[in-house]
Amino acid sequence: MATPVHAPTLVIVCYRPRPGCGARLEALCREHVPALRGLGLVTDRPETLMRSADGSVVEVFEWASAAAIELAHHHPDVQALWAALEDVCTQGTLRELTEAAEPFATFTALG
């Protein structure tokens, strides 16, 4: 069943830090959802940030709607933040993380 266009959508993102960029990646991730929330693009559901054993950062948050996702892809403030993230990381997938193979995937909380 398709998600209604105005329904909130949970997402899980995996960021793999570029060499020497782990601390900057974590700092940018702490700014990411608050910036999106300030623009009304995500819900008030608390986001979760965690680190995998390989140093990847996993972020879980809730977009306000499909329309909000589309708007984010055209908003200059969001584009600037995403460009900064691209400078310090690449995006991976959950299945690339060792933890994803476990029935109870365990990560380190990032606050």
PDB file of N, CA and C in Angstrom:
ATOM      1  N   MET A   1       0.845  -1.170   0.000  1.00  0.00           N
ATOM      2  CA  MET A   1       0.000   0.000   0.000  1.00  0.00           C
ATOM      3  C   MET A   1       0.894   1.238   0.000  1.00  0.00           C
ATOM      4  N   ALA A   2       0.598   2.196  -0.843  1.00  0.00           N
ATOM      5  CA  ALA A   2       1.373   3.428  -0.959  1.00  0.00           C
ATOM      6  C   ALA A   2       1.099   4.337   0.235  1.00  0.00           C
ATOM      7  N   THR A   3       2.139   5.075   0.639  1.00  0.00           N
ATOM      8  CA  THR A   3       2.002   6.044   1.721  1.00  0.00           C
ATOM      9  C   THR A   3       1.321   7.289   1.174  1.00  0.00           C
ATOM     10  N   PRO A   4       0.284   7.803   1.862  1.00  0.00           N
ATOM     11  CA  PRO A   4      -0.348   9.035   1.405  1.00  0.00           C
ATOM     12  C   PRO A   4       0.674  10.175   1.335  1.00  0.00           C
ATOM     13  N   VAL A   5       0.517  11.066   0.377  1.00  0.00           N
ATOM     14  CA  VAL A   5       1.487  12.124   0.121  1.00  0.00           C
ATOM     15  C   VAL A   5       1.665  13.049   1.318  1.00  0.00           C
ATOM     16  N   HIS A   6       0.660  13.171   2.168  1.00  0.00           N
ATOM     17  CA  HIS A   6       0.747  14.076   3.309  1.00  0.00           C
ATOM     18  C   HIS A   6       1.098  13.346   4.609  1.00  0.00           C
ATOM     19  N   ALA A   7       1.351  12.066   4.551  1.00  0.00           N
ATOM     20  CA  ALA A   7       1.656  11.285   5.748  1.00  0.00           C
ATOM     21  C   ALA A   7       3.135  11.410   6.112  1.00  0.00           C
ATOM     22  N   PRO A   8       3.437  11.463   7.418  1.00  0.00           N
ATOM     23  CA  PRO A   8       4.842  11.441   7.836  1.00  0.00           C
ATOM     24  C   PRO A   8       5.513  10.139   7.403  1.00  0.00           C
ATOM     25  N   THR A   9       6.823  10.215   7.169  1.00  0.00           N
ATOM     26  CA  THR A   9       7.587   9.066   6.702  1.00  0.00           C
ATOM     27  C   THR A   9       8.880   8.947   7.497  1.00  0.00           C
ATOM     28  N   LEU A  10       9.079   7.810   8.160  1.00  0.00           N
ATOM     29  CA  LEU A  10      10.328   7.559   8.874  1.00  0.00           C
ATOM     30  C   LEU A  10      11.409   7.143   7.888  1.00  0.00           C
ATOM     31  N   VAL A  11      12.623   7.643   8.103  1.00  0.00           N
ATOM     32  CA  VAL A  11      13.751   7.244   7.268  1.00  0.00           C
ATOM     33  C   VAL A  11      14.941   6.877   8.151  1.00  0.00           C
ATOM     34  N   ILE A  12      15.772   6.015   7.625  1.00  0.00           N
ATOM     35  CA  ILE A  12      17.030   5.627   8.266  1.00  0.00           C
ATOM     36  C   ILE A  12      18.126   5.878   7.245  1.00  0.00           C
ATOM     37  N   VAL A  13      19.118   6.679   7.627  1.00  0.00           N
ATOM     38  CA  VAL A  13      20.199   7.042   6.722  1.00  0.00           C
ATOM     39  C   VAL A  13      21.518   6.566   7.330  1.00  0.00           C
ATOM     40  N   CYS A  14      22.411   6.071   6.490  1.00  0.00           N
ATOM     41  CA  CYS A  14      23.733   5.620   6.928  1.00  0.00           C
ATOM     42  C   CYS A  14      24.796   6.485   6.254  1.00  0.00           C
ATOM     43  N   TYR A  15      25.557   7.209   7.068  1.00  0.00           N
ATOM     44  CA  TYR A  15      26.632   8.062   6.563  1.00  0.00           C
ATOM     45  C   TYR A  15      27.975   7.415   6.889  1.00  0.00           C
ATOM     46  N   ARG A  16      28.818   7.242   5.881  1.00  0.00           N
ATOM     47  CA  ARG A  16      30.156   6.683   6.085  1.00  0.00           C
ATOM     48  C   ARG A  16      31.173   7.823   6.039  1.00  0.00           C
ATOM     49  N   PRO A  17      31.873   8.084   7.145  1.00  0.00           N
ATOM     50  CA  PRO A  17      32.786   9.229   7.157  1.00  0.00           C
ATOM     51  C   PRO A  17      33.969   9.030   6.217  1.00  0.00           C
ATOM     52  N   ARG A  18      34.369  10.101   5.577  1.00  0.00           N
ATOM     53  CA  ARG A  18      35.607  10.087   4.810  1.00  0.00           C
ATOM     54  C   ARG A  18      36.756  10.068   5.816  1.00  0.00           C
ATOM     55  N   PRO A  19      37.942   9.612   5.422  1.00  0.00           N
ATOM     56  CA  PRO A  19      39.069   9.537   6.362  1.00  0.00           C
ATOM     57  C   PRO A  19      39.297  10.863   7.083  1.00  0.00           C
ATOM     58  N   GLY A  20      39.383  10.778   8.402  1.00  0.00           N
ATOM     59  CA  GLY A  20      39.660  11.947   9.224  1.00  0.00           C
ATOM     60  C   GLY A  20      38.482  12.873   9.437  1.00  0.00           C
ATOM     61  N   CYS A  21      37.287  12.479   8.989  1.00  0.00           N
ATOM     62  CA  CYS A  21      36.124  13.372   9.044  1.00  0.00           C
ATOM     63  C   CYS A  21      35.048  12.919  10.025  1.00  0.00           C
ATOM     64  N   GLY A  22      35.332  11.937  10.865  1.00  0.00           N
ATOM     65  CA  GLY A  22      34.314  11.403  11.766  1.00  0.00           C
ATOM     66  C   GLY A  22      33.721  12.438  12.703  1.00  0.00           C
ATOM     67  N   ALA A  23      34.556  13.253  13.325  1.00  0.00           N
ATOM     68  CA  ALA A  23      34.059  14.251  14.283  1.00  0.00           C
ATOM     69  C   ALA A  23      33.212  15.306  13.572  1.00  0.00           C
ATOM     70  N   ARG A  24      33.657  15.758  12.405  1.00  0.00           N
ATOM     71  CA  ARG A  24      32.888  16.766  11.655  1.00  0.00           C
ATOM     72  C   ARG A  24      31.558  16.181  11.187  1.00  0.00           C
ATOM     73  N   LEU A  25      31.563  14.917  10.778  1.00  0.00           N
ATOM     74  CA  LEU A  25      30.326  14.260  10.373  1.00  0.00           C
ATOM     75  C   LEU A  25      29.335  14.243  11.530  1.00  0.00           C
ATOM     76  N   GLU A  26      29.787  13.847  12.705  1.00  0.00           N
ATOM     77  CA  GLU A  26      28.896  13.795  13.857  1.00  0.00           C
ATOM     78  C   GLU A  26      28.342  15.181  14.176  1.00  0.00           C
ATOM     79  N   ALA A  27      29.169  16.207  14.081  1.00  0.00           N
ATOM     80  CA  ALA A  27      28.706  17.575  14.342  1.00  0.00           C
ATOM     81  C   ALA A  27      27.636  17.996  13.341  1.00  0.00           C
ATOM     82  N   LEU A  28      27.863  17.699  12.072  1.00  0.00           N
ATOM     83  CA  LEU A  28      26.870  18.043  11.044  1.00  0.00           C
ATOM     84  C   LEU A  28      25.573  17.268  11.233  1.00  0.00           C
ATOM     85  N   CYS A  29      25.677  16.013  11.626  1.00  0.00           N
ATOM     86  CA  CYS A  29      24.475  15.212  11.859  1.00  0.00           C
ATOM     87  C   CYS A  29      23.660  15.786  13.017  1.00  0.00           C
ATOM     88  N   ARG A  30      24.332  16.339  14.014  1.00  0.00           N
ATOM     89  CA  ARG A  30      23.608  16.965  15.129  1.00  0.00           C
ATOM     90  C   ARG A  30      22.865  18.226  14.686  1.00  0.00           C
ATOM     91  N   GLU A  31      23.311  18.851  13.616  1.00  0.00           N
ATOM     92  CA  GLU A  31      22.662  20.043  13.073  1.00  0.00           C
ATOM     93  C   GLU A  31      21.545  19.693  12.082  1.00  0.00           C
ATOM     94  N   HIS A  32      21.636  18.537  11.450  1.00  0.00           N
ATOM     95  CA  HIS A  32      20.791  18.178  10.322  1.00  0.00           C
ATOM     96  C   HIS A  32      19.299  18.258  10.632  1.00  0.00           C
ATOM     97  N   VAL A  33      18.821  17.430  11.540  1.00  0.00           N
ATOM     98  CA  VAL A  33      17.388  17.386  11.811  1.00  0.00           C
ATOM     99  C   VAL A  33      16.888  18.680  12.450  1.00  0.00           C
ATOM    100  N   PRO A  34      17.618  19.281  13.398  1.00  0.00           N
ATOM    101  CA  PRO A  34      17.136  20.579  13.895  1.00  0.00           C
ATOM    102  C   PRO A  34      16.961  21.616  12.778  1.00  0.00           C
ATOM    103  N   ALA A  35      17.855  21.618  11.796  1.00  0.00           N
ATOM    104  CA  ALA A  35      17.714  22.549  10.668  1.00  0.00           C
ATOM    105  C   ALA A  35      16.476  22.219   9.850  1.00  0.00           C
ATOM    106  N   LEU A  36      16.252  20.939   9.570  1.00  0.00           N
ATOM    107  CA  LEU A  36      15.054  20.529   8.830  1.00  0.00           C
ATOM    108  C   LEU A  36      13.792  20.860   9.618  1.00  0.00           C
ATOM    109  N   ARG A  37      13.860  20.644  10.931  1.00  0.00           N
ATOM    110  CA  ARG A  37      12.696  20.929  11.784  1.00  0.00           C
ATOM    111  C   ARG A  37      12.400  22.428  11.785  1.00  0.00           C
ATOM    112  N   GLY A  38      13.440  23.260  11.818  1.00  0.00           N
ATOM    113  CA  GLY A  38      13.250  24.700  11.790  1.00  0.00           C
ATOM    114  C   GLY A  38      12.557  25.182  10.531  1.00  0.00           C
ATOM    115  N   LEU A  39      12.684  24.423   9.470  1.00  0.00           N
ATOM    116  CA  LEU A  39      12.025  24.748   8.197  1.00  0.00           C
ATOM    117  C   LEU A  39      10.662  24.077   8.060  1.00  0.00           C
ATOM    118  N   GLY A  40      10.259  23.321   9.086  1.00  0.00           N
ATOM    119  CA  GLY A  40       8.971  22.640   9.053  1.00  0.00           C
ATOM    120  C   GLY A  40       8.941  21.401   8.180  1.00  0.00           C
ATOM    121  N   LEU A  41      10.116  20.832   7.897  1.00  0.00           N
ATOM    122  CA  LEU A  41      10.184  19.692   6.971  1.00  0.00           C
ATOM    123  C   LEU A  41      10.130  18.337   7.664  1.00  0.00           C
ATOM    124  N   VAL A  42      10.408  18.311   8.961  1.00  0.00           N
ATOM    125  CA  VAL A  42      10.345  17.064   9.715  1.00  0.00           C
ATOM    126  C   VAL A  42       9.401  17.250  10.899  1.00  0.00           C
ATOM    127  N   THR A  43       8.952  16.126  11.439  1.00  0.00           N
ATOM    128  CA  THR A  43       8.023  16.163  12.568  1.00  0.00           C
ATOM    129  C   THR A  43       8.776  16.421  13.872  1.00  0.00           C
ATOM    130  N   ASP A  44       8.021  16.495  14.947  1.00  0.00           N
ATOM    131  CA  ASP A  44       8.619  16.672  16.277  1.00  0.00           C
ATOM    132  C   ASP A  44       9.102  15.362  16.880  1.00  0.00           C
ATOM    133  N   ARG A  45       8.913  14.262  16.161  1.00  0.00           N
ATOM    134  CA  ARG A  45       9.409  12.971  16.674  1.00  0.00           C
ATOM    135  C   ARG A  45      10.915  13.108  16.901  1.00  0.00           C
ATOM    136  N   PRO A  46      11.405  12.739  18.087  1.00  0.00           N
ATOM    137  CA  PRO A  46      12.850  12.857  18.335  1.00  0.00           C
ATOM    138  C   PRO A  46      13.661  12.019  17.343  1.00  0.00           C
ATOM    139  N   GLU A  47      14.734  12.609  16.837  1.00  0.00           N
ATOM    140  CA  GLU A  47      15.620  11.869  15.949  1.00  0.00           C
ATOM    141  C   GLU A  47      16.557  11.009  16.788  1.00  0.00           C
ATOM    142  N   THR A  48      17.144  10.013  16.143  1.00  0.00           N
ATOM    143  CA  THR A  48      18.122   9.150  16.788  1.00  0.00           C
ATOM    144  C   THR A  48      19.397   9.182  15.965  1.00  0.00           C
ATOM    145  N   LEU A  49      20.519   9.406  16.643  1.00  0.00           N
ATOM    146  CA  LEU A  49      21.837   9.341  16.011  1.00  0.00           C
ATOM    147  C   LEU A  49      22.637   8.265  16.715  1.00  0.00           C
ATOM    148  N   MET A  50      23.269   7.402  15.927  1.00  0.00           N
ATOM    149  CA  MET A  50      24.075   6.324  16.505  1.00  0.00           C
ATOM    150  C   MET A  50      25.265   6.024  15.616  1.00  0.00           C
ATOM    151  N   ARG A  51      26.285   5.434  16.217  1.00  0.00           N
ATOM    152  CA  ARG A  51      27.504   5.091  15.490  1.00  0.00           C
ATOM    153  C   ARG A  51      27.637   3.580  15.439  1.00  0.00           C
ATOM    154  N   SER A  52      28.024   3.075  14.275  1.00  0.00           N
ATOM    155  CA  SER A  52      28.270   1.643  14.117  1.00  0.00           C
ATOM    156  C   SER A  52      29.727   1.349  14.468  1.00  0.00           C
ATOM    157  N   ALA A  53      30.049   0.082  14.545  1.00  0.00           N
ATOM    158  CA  ALA A  53      31.407  -0.327  14.895  1.00  0.00           C
ATOM    159  C   ALA A  53      32.438   0.174  13.891  1.00  0.00           C
ATOM    160  N   ASP A  54      32.033   0.355  12.623  1.00  0.00           N
ATOM    161  CA  ASP A  54      32.989   0.818  11.607  1.00  0.00           C
ATOM    162  C   ASP A  54      33.087   2.348  11.528  1.00  0.00           C
ATOM    163  N   GLY A  55      32.372   3.058  12.423  1.00  0.00           N
ATOM    164  CA  GLY A  55      32.425   4.512  12.443  1.00  0.00           C
ATOM    165  C   GLY A  55      31.331   5.198  11.658  1.00  0.00           C
ATOM    166  N   SER A  56      30.506   4.435  10.954  1.00  0.00           N
ATOM    167  CA  SER A  56      29.392   5.029  10.230  1.00  0.00           C
ATOM    168  C   SER A  56      28.402   5.630  11.223  1.00  0.00           C
ATOM    169  N   VAL A  57      27.736   6.691  10.801  1.00  0.00           N
ATOM    170  CA  VAL A  57      26.693   7.304  11.614  1.00  0.00           C
ATOM    171  C   VAL A  57      25.350   6.944  10.998  1.00  0.00           C
ATOM    172  N   VAL A  58      24.458   6.446  11.829  1.00  0.00           N
ATOM    173  CA  VAL A  58      23.116   6.094  11.402  1.00  0.00           C
ATOM    174  C   VAL A  58      22.166   7.115  12.013  1.00  0.00           C
ATOM    175  N   GLU A  59      21.312   7.683  11.169  1.00  0.00           N
ATOM    176  CA  GLU A  59      20.373   8.712  11.589  1.00  0.00           C
ATOM    177  C   GLU A  59      18.959   8.234  11.284  1.00  0.00           C
ATOM    178  N   VAL A  60      18.066   8.388  12.254  1.00  0.00           N
ATOM    179  CA  VAL A  60      16.662   8.031  12.074  1.00  0.00           C
ATOM    180  C   VAL A  60      15.835   9.276  12.389  1.00  0.00           C
ATOM    181  N   PHE A  61      14.973   9.654  11.454  1.00  0.00           N
ATOM    182  CA  PHE A  61      14.102  10.800  11.691  1.00  0.00           C
ATOM    183  C   PHE A  61      12.844  10.648  10.851  1.00  0.00           C
ATOM    184  N   GLU A  62      11.896  11.584  11.052  1.00  0.00           N
ATOM    185  CA  GLU A  62      10.610  11.482  10.368  1.00  0.00           C
ATOM    186  C   GLU A  62      10.335  12.739   9.551  1.00  0.00           C
ATOM    187  N   TRP A  63      10.286  12.555   8.227  1.00  0.00           N
ATOM    188  CA  TRP A  63       9.875  13.643   7.344  1.00  0.00           C
ATOM    189  C   TRP A  63       8.409  13.950   7.610  1.00  0.00           C
ATOM    190  N   ALA A  64       8.013  15.209   7.473  1.00  0.00           N
ATOM    191  CA  ALA A  64       6.618  15.607   7.686  1.00  0.00           C
ATOM    192  C   ALA A  64       5.706  15.029   6.606  1.00  0.00           C
ATOM    193  N   SER A  65       6.224  14.917   5.382  1.00  0.00           N
ATOM    194  CA  SER A  65       5.403  14.424   4.270  1.00  0.00           C
ATOM    195  C   SER A  65       6.290  14.248   3.040  1.00  0.00           C
ATOM    196  N   ALA A  66       5.729  13.655   2.018  1.00  0.00           N
ATOM    197  CA  ALA A  66       6.439  13.547   0.746  1.00  0.00           C
ATOM    198  C   ALA A  66       6.684  14.933   0.159  1.00  0.00           C
ATOM    199  N   ALA A  67       5.749  15.841   0.373  1.00  0.00           N
ATOM    200  CA  ALA A  67       5.921  17.209  -0.118  1.00  0.00           C
ATOM    201  C   ALA A  67       7.095  17.891   0.575  1.00  0.00           C
ATOM    202  N   ALA A  68       7.288  17.613   1.859  1.00  0.00           N
ATOM    203  CA  ALA A  68       8.418  18.175   2.599  1.00  0.00           C
ATOM    204  C   ALA A  68       9.745  17.646   2.050  1.00  0.00           C
ATOM    205  N   ILE A  69       9.774  16.381   1.701  1.00  0.00           N
ATOM    206  CA  ILE A  69      10.987  15.796   1.115  1.00  0.00           C
ATOM    207  C   ILE A  69      11.308  16.509  -0.196  1.00  0.00           C
ATOM    208  N   GLU A  70      10.304  16.703  -1.012  1.00  0.00           N
ATOM    209  CA  GLU A  70      10.503  17.397  -2.296  1.00  0.00           C
ATOM    210  C   GLU A  70      10.996  18.815  -2.073  1.00  0.00           C
ATOM    211  N   LEU A  71      10.408  19.515  -1.123  1.00  0.00           N
ATOM    212  CA  LEU A  71      10.828  20.884  -0.831  1.00  0.00           C
ATOM    213  C   LEU A  71      12.284  20.929  -0.372  1.00  0.00           C
ATOM    214  N   ALA A  72      12.678  19.960   0.454  1.00  0.00           N
ATOM    215  CA  ALA A  72      14.065  19.912   0.938  1.00  0.00           C
ATOM    216  C   ALA A  72      15.056  19.841  -0.215  1.00  0.00           C
ATOM    217  N   HIS A  73      14.685  19.129  -1.262  1.00  0.00           N
ATOM    218  CA  HIS A  73      15.585  18.973  -2.406  1.00  0.00           C
ATOM    219  C   HIS A  73      15.747  20.248  -3.231  1.00  0.00           C
ATOM    220  N   HIS A  74      15.002  21.280  -2.879  1.00  0.00           N
ATOM    221  CA  HIS A  74      15.097  22.547  -3.606  1.00  0.00           C
ATOM    222  C   HIS A  74      15.383  23.740  -2.695  1.00  0.00           C
ATOM    223  N   HIS A  75      15.427  23.507  -1.384  1.00  0.00           N
ATOM    224  CA  HIS A  75      15.635  24.608  -0.444  1.00  0.00           C
ATOM    225  C   HIS A  75      17.133  24.904  -0.325  1.00  0.00           C
ATOM    226  N   PRO A  76      17.555  26.148  -0.504  1.00  0.00           N
ATOM    227  CA  PRO A  76      18.987  26.471  -0.491  1.00  0.00           C
ATOM    228  C   PRO A  76      19.679  26.165   0.835  1.00  0.00           C
ATOM    229  N   ASP A  77      18.998  26.357   1.958  1.00  0.00           N
ATOM    230  CA  ASP A  77      19.626  26.061   3.253  1.00  0.00           C
ATOM    231  C   ASP A  77      19.882  24.564   3.409  1.00  0.00           C
ATOM    232  N   VAL A  78      18.918  23.765   2.980  1.00  0.00           N
ATOM    233  CA  VAL A  78      19.071  22.307   3.059  1.00  0.00           C
ATOM    234  C   VAL A  78      20.162  21.860   2.097  1.00  0.00           C
ATOM    235  N   GLN A  79      20.165  22.411   0.905  1.00  0.00           N
ATOM    236  CA  GLN A  79      21.195  22.049  -0.074  1.00  0.00           C
ATOM    237  C   GLN A  79      22.599  22.367   0.444  1.00  0.00           C
ATOM    238  N   ALA A  80      22.753  23.495   1.140  1.00  0.00           N
ATOM    239  CA  ALA A  80      24.062  23.856   1.708  1.00  0.00           C
ATOM    240  C   ALA A  80      24.481  22.858   2.783  1.00  0.00           C
ATOM    241  N   LEU A  81      23.539  22.457   3.628  1.00  0.00           N
ATOM    242  CA  LEU A  81      23.853  21.477   4.667  1.00  0.00           C
ATOM    243  C   LEU A  81      24.196  20.130   4.054  1.00  0.00           C
ATOM    244  N   TRP A  82      23.437  19.715   3.050  1.00  0.00           N
ATOM    245  CA  TRP A  82      23.721  18.434   2.399  1.00  0.00           C
ATOM    246  C   TRP A  82      25.064  18.467   1.675  1.00  0.00           C
ATOM    247  N   ALA A  83      25.427  19.604   1.115  1.00  0.00           N
ATOM    248  CA  ALA A  83      26.743  19.728   0.467  1.00  0.00           C
ATOM    249  C   ALA A  83      27.851  19.582   1.501  1.00  0.00           C
ATOM    250  N   ALA A  84      27.660  20.162   2.675  1.00  0.00           N
ATOM    251  CA  ALA A  84      28.650  20.023   3.744  1.00  0.00           C
ATOM    252  C   ALA A  84      28.771  18.564   4.172  1.00  0.00           C
ATOM    253  N   LEU A  85      27.648  17.862   4.235  1.00  0.00           N
ATOM    254  CA  LEU A  85      27.689  16.439   4.567  1.00  0.00           C
ATOM    255  C   LEU A  85      28.442  15.653   3.497  1.00  0.00           C
ATOM    256  N   GLU A  86      28.199  15.974   2.236  1.00  0.00           N
ATOM    257  CA  GLU A  86      28.890  15.267   1.149  1.00  0.00           C
ATOM    258  C   GLU A  86      30.400  15.461   1.208  1.00  0.00           C
ATOM    259  N   ASP A  87      30.834  16.588   1.757  1.00  0.00           N
ATOM    260  CA  ASP A  87      32.270  16.835   1.893  1.00  0.00           C
ATOM    261  C   ASP A  87      32.931  15.901   2.898  1.00  0.00           C
ATOM    262  N   VAL A  88      32.157  15.428   3.882  1.00  0.00           N
ATOM    263  CA  VAL A  88      32.748  14.639   4.960  1.00  0.00           C
ATOM    264  C   VAL A  88      32.325  13.175   4.965  1.00  0.00           C
ATOM    265  N   CYS A  89      31.405  12.792   4.062  1.00  0.00           N
ATOM    266  CA  CYS A  89      30.945  11.401   4.094  1.00  0.00           C
ATOM    267  C   CYS A  89      30.392  10.956   2.753  1.00  0.00           C
ATOM    268  N   THR A  90      30.171   9.662   2.665  1.00  0.00           N
ATOM    269  CA  THR A  90      29.395   9.082   1.578  1.00  0.00           C
ATOM    270  C   THR A  90      28.196   8.408   2.230  1.00  0.00           C
ATOM    271  N   GLN A  91      27.158   8.144   1.453  1.00  0.00           N
ATOM    272  CA  GLN A  91      26.018   7.437   2.014  1.00  0.00           C
ATOM    273  C   GLN A  91      26.167   5.953   1.731  1.00  0.00           C
ATOM    274  N   GLY A  92      25.893   5.181   2.762  1.00  0.00           N
ATOM    275  CA  GLY A  92      25.918   3.739   2.629  1.00  0.00           C
ATOM    276  C   GLY A  92      24.521   3.193   2.830  1.00  0.00           C
ATOM    277  N   THR A  93      24.438   1.890   2.965  1.00  0.00           N
ATOM    278  CA  THR A  93      23.156   1.249   3.242  1.00  0.00           C
ATOM    279  C   THR A  93      23.253   0.482   4.545  1.00  0.00           C
ATOM    280  N   LEU A  94      22.119   0.252   5.145  1.00  0.00           N
ATOM    281  CA  LEU A  94      22.110  -0.504   6.399  1.00  0.00           C
ATOM    282  C   LEU A  94      22.706  -1.893   6.223  1.00  0.00           C
ATOM    283  N   ARG A  95      22.422  -2.520   5.112  1.00  0.00           N
ATOM    284  CA  ARG A  95      22.891  -3.896   4.928  1.00  0.00           C
ATOM    285  C   ARG A  95      24.416  -3.993   4.857  1.00  0.00           C
ATOM    286  N   GLU A  96      25.092  -2.860   4.630  1.00  0.00           N
ATOM    287  CA  GLU A  96      26.557  -2.845   4.623  1.00  0.00           C
ATOM    288  C   GLU A  96      27.146  -2.859   6.029  1.00  0.00           C
ATOM    289  N   LEU A  97      26.330  -2.595   7.019  1.00  0.00           N
ATOM    290  CA  LEU A  97      26.809  -2.552   8.403  1.00  0.00           C
ATOM    291  C   LEU A  97      26.776  -3.941   9.020  1.00  0.00           C
ATOM    292  N   THR A  98      27.835  -4.296   9.701  1.00  0.00           N
ATOM    293  CA  THR A  98      27.912  -5.591  10.375  1.00  0.00           C
ATOM    294  C   THR A  98      26.729  -5.798  11.304  1.00  0.00           C
ATOM    295  N   GLU A  99      26.329  -4.734  11.985  1.00  0.00           N
ATOM    296  CA  GLU A  99      25.231  -4.817  12.948  1.00  0.00           C
ATOM    297  C   GLU A  99      23.923  -5.255  12.308  1.00  0.00           C
ATOM    298  N   ALA A 100      23.728  -4.948  11.036  1.00  0.00           N
ATOM    299  CA  ALA A 100      22.476  -5.257  10.356  1.00  0.00           C
ATOM    300  C   ALA A 100      22.249  -6.763  10.206  1.00  0.00           C
ATOM    301  N   ALA A 101      23.294  -7.551  10.331  1.00  0.00           N
ATOM    302  CA  ALA A 101      23.165  -9.009  10.208  1.00  0.00           C
ATOM    303  C   ALA A 101      22.684  -9.654  11.505  1.00  0.00           C
ATOM    304  N   GLU A 102      22.587  -8.870  12.571  1.00  0.00           N
ATOM    305  CA  GLU A 102      22.197  -9.407  13.876  1.00  0.00           C
ATOM    306  C   GLU A 102      20.711  -9.207  14.122  1.00  0.00           C
ATOM    307  N   PRO A 103      20.069 -10.149  14.837  1.00  0.00           N
ATOM    308  CA  PRO A 103      18.649  -9.991  15.146  1.00  0.00           C
ATOM    309  C   PRO A 103      18.377  -8.718  15.983  1.00  0.00           C
ATOM    310  N   PHE A 104      19.309  -8.356  16.854  1.00  0.00           N
ATOM    311  CA  PHE A 104      19.207  -7.150  17.662  1.00  0.00           C
ATOM    312  C   PHE A 104      20.427  -6.289  17.340  1.00  0.00           C
ATOM    313  N   ALA A 105      20.339  -5.487  16.310  1.00  0.00           N
ATOM    314  CA  ALA A 105      21.449  -4.629  15.903  1.00  0.00           C
ATOM    315  C   ALA A 105      21.755  -3.641  17.021  1.00  0.00           C
ATOM    316  N   THR A 106      23.011  -3.574  17.423  1.00  0.00           N
ATOM    317  CA  THR A 106      23.419  -2.732  18.536  1.00  0.00           C
ATOM    318  C   THR A 106      24.388  -1.668  18.056  1.00  0.00           C
ATOM    319  N   PHE A 107      24.100  -0.411  18.416  1.00  0.00           N
ATOM    320  CA  PHE A 107      24.916   0.734  18.016  1.00  0.00           C
ATOM    321  C   PHE A 107      25.241   1.557  19.249  1.00  0.00           C
ATOM    322  N   THR A 108      26.197   2.476  19.116  1.00  0.00           N
ATOM    323  CA  THR A 108      26.549   3.409  20.177  1.00  0.00           C
ATOM    324  C   THR A 108      25.730   4.684  19.974  1.00  0.00           C
ATOM    325  N   ALA A 109      25.002   5.110  21.002  1.00  0.00           N
ATOM    326  CA  ALA A 109      24.191   6.335  20.916  1.00  0.00           C
ATOM    327  C   ALA A 109      25.103   7.546  20.822  1.00  0.00           C
ATOM    328  N   LEU A 110      24.703   8.518  20.022  1.00  0.00           N
ATOM    329  CA  LEU A 110      25.462   9.757  19.890  1.00  0.00           C
ATOM    330  C   LEU A 110      24.741  10.935  20.552  1.00  0.00           C
ATOM    331  N   GLY A 111      23.999  10.668  21.563  1.00  0.00           N
ATOM    332  CA  GLY A 111      23.379  11.764  22.320  1.00  0.00           C
ATOM    333  C   GLY A 111      21.987  12.071  21.937  1.00  0.00           C
TER     334      GLY A 111
END
